[in-house]
Protein backbone atom coordinates (compact mmCIF):
# COMPACT_ATOMS: atom_id res chain seq x y z
CA UNK A 1 -8.97 -153.59 3.32
CA UNK A 2 -10.10 -152.47 6.77
CA UNK A 3 -13.48 -151.24 7.83
CA UNK A 4 -13.17 -147.64 9.03
CA UNK A 5 -16.70 -146.45 9.98
CA UNK A 6 -20.31 -147.37 9.64
CA UNK A 7 -23.01 -145.11 8.60
CA UNK A 8 -26.85 -145.30 9.10
CA UNK A 9 -27.50 -144.32 5.35
CA UNK A 10 -25.83 -145.00 2.16
CA UNK A 11 -25.90 -141.40 1.30
CA UNK A 12 -23.88 -140.34 4.34
CA UNK A 13 -21.35 -143.07 3.62
CA UNK A 14 -20.89 -141.96 -0.01
CA UNK A 15 -20.34 -138.35 1.17
CA UNK A 16 -17.82 -139.48 3.55
CA UNK A 17 -16.07 -141.75 0.97
CA UNK A 18 -16.04 -138.93 -1.49
CA UNK A 19 -14.36 -136.75 0.91
CA UNK A 20 -11.70 -139.25 1.60
CA UNK A 21 -11.19 -139.89 -2.22
CA UNK A 22 -10.72 -136.13 -2.55
CA UNK A 23 -7.80 -136.34 -0.23
CA UNK A 24 -6.29 -139.32 -2.22
CA UNK A 25 -7.49 -142.21 -0.23
CA UNK A 26 -9.12 -145.11 -1.91
CA UNK A 27 -12.33 -145.39 0.04
CA UNK A 28 -15.19 -147.62 -0.96
CA UNK A 29 -18.66 -147.99 0.41
CA UNK A 30 -19.74 -151.44 1.22
CA UNK A 31 -23.41 -152.44 1.99
CA UNK A 32 -25.80 -155.32 1.23
CA UNK A 33 -28.77 -153.71 -0.45
CA UNK A 34 -28.74 -155.60 -3.74
CA UNK A 35 -27.15 -152.89 -5.76
CA UNK A 36 -29.53 -150.25 -4.49
CA UNK A 37 -32.65 -152.14 -5.44
CA UNK A 38 -33.57 -152.78 -1.86
CA UNK A 39 -32.21 -150.09 0.25
CA UNK A 40 -34.14 -151.13 3.34
CA UNK A 41 -31.99 -154.27 3.53
CA UNK A 42 -29.07 -152.21 4.66
CA UNK A 43 -30.85 -151.27 7.88
CA UNK A 44 -31.09 -155.03 8.83
CA UNK A 45 -27.36 -155.34 8.32
CA UNK A 46 -26.40 -152.16 10.39
CA UNK A 47 -26.15 -149.65 7.48
CA UNK A 48 -23.29 -148.87 5.18
CA UNK A 49 -19.59 -149.20 5.74
CA UNK A 50 -16.60 -147.39 4.45
CA UNK A 51 -13.51 -149.56 3.86
CA UNK A 52 -9.92 -148.42 2.93
CA UNK A 53 -6.72 -150.01 2.17
CA UNK A 54 -4.82 -151.04 5.45
CA UNK A 55 -1.98 -148.64 4.59
CA UNK A 56 -4.31 -145.68 4.56
CA UNK A 57 -6.30 -146.71 7.68
CA UNK A 58 -4.66 -144.08 10.00
CA UNK A 59 -4.97 -141.17 7.71
CA UNK A 60 -8.64 -141.85 6.77
CA UNK A 61 -9.47 -142.37 10.50
CA UNK A 62 -7.88 -139.01 11.43
CA UNK A 63 -9.78 -137.28 8.54
CA UNK A 64 -13.16 -138.78 9.52
CA UNK A 65 -12.69 -138.28 13.35
CA UNK A 66 -11.83 -134.60 12.57
CA UNK A 67 -15.57 -134.07 12.11
CA UNK A 68 -15.26 -130.75 10.04
CA UNK A 69 -15.73 -130.01 6.39
CA UNK A 70 -13.47 -127.82 4.18
CA UNK A 71 -15.73 -124.87 4.77
CA UNK A 72 -15.67 -125.20 8.52
CA UNK A 73 -19.07 -126.82 9.11
CA UNK A 74 -19.24 -129.41 11.71
CA UNK A 75 -20.45 -133.01 11.22
CA UNK A 76 -22.47 -134.54 13.98
CA UNK A 77 -21.02 -137.94 15.02
CA UNK A 78 -22.80 -141.07 13.84
CA UNK A 79 -22.97 -143.82 16.17
CA UNK A 80 -23.79 -146.36 13.37
CA UNK A 81 -27.27 -147.11 14.51
CA UNK A 82 -29.83 -147.45 11.75
CA UNK A 83 -32.32 -144.63 11.59
CA UNK A 84 -35.99 -145.08 10.89
CA UNK A 85 -37.51 -143.22 8.03
CA UNK A 86 -40.83 -141.29 8.42
CA UNK A 87 -42.57 -143.96 6.48
CA UNK A 88 -41.12 -146.74 8.67
CA UNK A 89 -42.26 -145.03 11.83
CA UNK A 90 -45.74 -144.57 10.44
CA UNK A 91 -45.97 -148.32 9.51
CA UNK A 92 -44.73 -149.41 12.91
CA UNK A 93 -47.00 -147.02 14.73
CA UNK A 94 -49.96 -148.25 12.50
CA UNK A 95 -49.09 -151.89 13.19
CA UNK A 96 -48.94 -151.33 16.89
CA UNK A 97 -52.35 -149.49 16.83
CA UNK A 98 -53.88 -152.38 14.89
CA UNK A 99 -52.65 -154.81 17.62
CA UNK A 100 -54.17 -152.65 20.27
CA UNK A 101 -57.45 -152.58 18.51
CA UNK A 102 -57.53 -156.30 17.94
CA UNK A 103 -56.85 -156.96 21.57
CA UNK A 104 -59.67 -154.49 22.67
CA UNK A 105 -62.03 -156.23 20.31
CA UNK A 106 -60.94 -159.56 21.55
CA UNK A 107 -61.53 -158.56 25.13
CA UNK A 108 -64.81 -156.87 24.60
CA UNK A 109 -66.32 -160.01 23.01
CA UNK A 110 -65.33 -161.96 26.39
CA UNK A 111 -66.64 -159.21 28.62
CA UNK A 112 -69.75 -158.44 26.50
CA UNK A 113 -69.19 -154.73 25.90
CA UNK A 114 -71.28 -153.26 23.29
CA UNK A 115 -69.63 -150.71 21.05
CA UNK A 116 -72.60 -149.59 19.24
């Protein structure tokens, strides 16, 4: 089995694998998210991968590199970088804001700034 492409989400990988399967290629999605129970773990490992048998590698690569669907729609290229969800962006932004506020409070106690 050879790794053919990495996707940022399992859904994108499943769609691509089903497109390959419809063309007769034995494509499988591989990711480490404990069977779907912890999908956030896939981001730490770089997302989901599609693997195919070695003898079908060239055909599968050509189909995925084509970038078009059967109905002519174009698929944007996926560079394999994990994407953040809206919730993750809010949590990281909130954590950064909390750190800034804690630093301001710590500095204000040393300089004797009165907030109220």
